Protein backbone atom coordinates (compact mmCIF):
# COMPACT_ATOMS: atom_id res chain seq x y z
CA MET A 1 0.00 0.00 0.00
CA MET A 2 1.34 3.44 -0.94
CA ALA A 3 1.33 6.34 1.48
CA PHE A 4 -0.87 9.32 0.69
CA ASP A 5 1.07 12.01 -1.17
CA SER A 6 -0.49 15.39 -0.40
CA SER A 7 1.68 17.19 -2.96
CA HIS A 8 -0.51 15.82 -5.76
CA THR A 9 -3.73 17.10 -4.24
CA PRO A 10 -4.73 20.36 -5.89
CA PRO A 11 -5.32 22.80 -3.04
CA SER A 12 -8.56 24.72 -2.70
CA ARG A 13 -8.52 28.39 -1.83
CA PRO A 14 -10.06 30.04 1.22
CA ASP A 15 -12.79 32.59 0.76
CA ASP A 16 -11.43 35.87 -0.69
CA ALA A 17 -13.19 38.03 1.90
CA LEU A 18 -11.75 35.89 4.67
CA LEU A 19 -8.25 36.20 3.22
CA ALA A 20 -8.70 39.99 3.02
CA ARG A 21 -9.69 40.00 6.70
CA VAL A 22 -6.64 37.92 7.61
CA ARG A 23 -4.40 40.33 5.64
CA ASP A 24 -5.93 43.28 7.53
CA GLU A 25 -5.29 41.57 10.85
CA LEU A 26 -1.75 40.66 9.79
CA ARG A 27 -1.12 44.34 9.06
CA ALA A 28 -2.46 45.31 12.47
CA TYR A 29 -0.36 42.62 14.13
CA GLN A 30 2.74 43.76 12.26
CA ARG A 31 2.16 47.32 13.54
CA ASP A 32 1.52 46.24 17.14
CA GLY A 33 2.50 42.62 17.80
CA THR A 34 1.40 42.87 21.41
CA LYS A 35 -2.33 42.56 20.53
CA PRO A 36 -2.85 39.31 18.60
CA ASP A 37 -6.46 38.57 19.69
CA ALA A 38 -8.15 39.83 16.50
CA LEU A 39 -5.60 37.95 14.39
CA ARG A 40 -6.24 34.76 16.36
CA LEU A 41 -9.98 35.06 15.70
CA ALA A 42 -9.38 35.64 11.98
CA LEU A 43 -7.07 32.63 11.86
CA LEU A 44 -9.70 30.49 13.60
CA ASP A 45 -12.20 31.44 10.90
CA LEU A 46 -9.56 30.74 8.24
CA ALA A 47 -8.88 27.33 9.79
CA ARG A 48 -12.59 26.47 9.86
CA ASP A 49 -12.92 27.45 6.21
CA ALA A 50 -9.82 25.42 5.32
CA ARG A 51 -11.11 22.32 7.09
CA THR A 52 -14.53 22.68 5.44
CA LYS A 53 -12.88 22.88 2.02
CA GLY A 54 -10.45 20.05 2.72
CA ILE A 55 -7.40 22.31 2.59
CA LEU A 56 -4.47 20.49 4.14
CA PRO A 57 -2.52 22.26 6.89
CA GLU A 58 0.64 22.53 4.78
CA HIS A 59 -1.33 24.23 2.00
CA LEU A 60 -2.94 26.58 4.48
CA LEU A 61 0.50 27.58 5.76
CA VAL A 62 1.67 28.31 2.21
CA ILE A 63 -1.38 30.55 1.73
CA LEU A 64 -0.74 32.29 5.06
CA LYS A 65 2.96 32.82 4.36
CA ASP A 66 2.13 34.21 0.91
CA ALA A 67 -0.29 36.64 2.54
CA TRP A 68 2.30 37.64 5.15
CA ASN A 69 5.16 38.04 2.66
CA GLY A 70 2.89 39.94 0.27
CA LEU A 71 2.30 42.77 2.71
CA SER A 72 4.28 45.89 1.85
CA GLU A 73 4.48 46.64 5.58
CA VAL A 74 6.30 43.36 6.14
CA ARG A 75 8.61 43.77 3.16
CA GLY A 76 9.48 47.23 4.48
CA MET A 77 10.57 45.99 7.89
CA HIS A 78 14.23 46.82 8.49
CA ASP A 79 14.76 44.28 11.25
CA VAL A 80 14.73 40.98 9.34
CA ALA A 81 15.15 38.95 12.53
CA GLU A 82 12.02 40.56 13.98
CA GLN A 83 10.16 39.91 10.73
CA VAL A 84 11.05 36.21 10.95
CA ARG A 85 10.08 36.04 14.65
CA MET A 86 6.71 37.63 13.91
CA GLN A 87 6.10 35.27 11.00
CA GLN A 88 6.94 32.29 13.22
CA ARG A 89 4.40 33.48 15.82
CA VAL A 90 1.77 33.90 13.09
CA VAL A 91 2.48 30.38 11.77
CA THR A 92 2.20 28.97 15.30
CA MET A 93 -1.14 30.74 15.78
CA CYS A 94 -2.38 29.31 12.49
CA ILE A 95 -1.31 25.75 13.34
CA THR A 96 -2.95 26.04 16.76
CA ALA A 97 -6.15 27.33 15.15
CA TYR A 98 -6.19 24.59 12.51
CA TYR A 99 -5.91 21.79 15.05
CA SER A 100 -8.35 23.37 17.52
CA VAL A 101 -11.35 23.39 15.16
């Protein structure tokens, strides 16, 4: 029996309005990383949508990282180490959300 290979599964996309909300909350989090509650709620909704559509966690993380890296505010950060730390916290929040729904 062969193991399931998720790389051959064409990924679905989350709802566009939901992705826009997540981008808005990512911007707010990037400005003030001390208040992640609204971002956590947006990521929970994103995780629910992903699970409903059968989006695998690794595909969801690619979508999230694309959204994060696509923000001009993030690309304009001068402290690359802080940018990476923030992205890691966002990824952790997303993974937590995905497995909590």
